[in-house]
Amino acid sequence: MNTALFHSLFRCKSWADEELYAMVATLDAAAHPEKRHAAIRILNHIHVVDRIFRGNLTGQPHGYAATNTSDTPELAELLETARDTDAWYLDHVAGLTAERLSETIHFAFTDGGHGRMSRAEMLLQVITHGGYHRGAVGRILVDCGIQPPRDIYTRYLHDSEPARRQPS
């Protein structure tokens, strides 16, 4: 298992989160109150699931009874906690070995059901789950006349490592 790939994927996730939060911040709350609220609810859901899986990965209680919270946080507050969580994932994957990635972890879903996944599968769940829902927020932005960021791995790689654009 390639541990460097996980580090790259979580750097990309952090980059994509930053871009999307910045775009949602430009969404006029007076002109689009329901759509802005929906976008923040989706971002909060992503964050809550990230925190749930953080708890699962560490074997620590995550404290969530559902995959979203009853209250909707302010966007700036949510961004700060999402940054902290993204930083935790970057630290976590930086210290992983191939052996640890293949570890099986038993956990409980918020509905009480039991689950079992490898650490690598859990990390991929966090990556793919966030990407799926960032796309939904992007669709909301388009509906409001805002071009969302291009949240794709190739863009991240070529923006963060411009030498990749050079011919071989």
Foldseek 3Di string as FASTA:
>chain_A
DDLVVLLLLLVLLLVQLVQLLVLLVPQDCVVCVPLSQVLQQLLQLLLQLLLCLVCQLVVHDSPDLDSHDPDRDDSVVSNVSSNVSSVVSSVVSVPDDPVQQQDKTWDADSVRHIDIDGNVVSSVCSSVSSVVSSVVNQVSCVVSVHHGDPSDSVVVVCVVPVCVVDDD
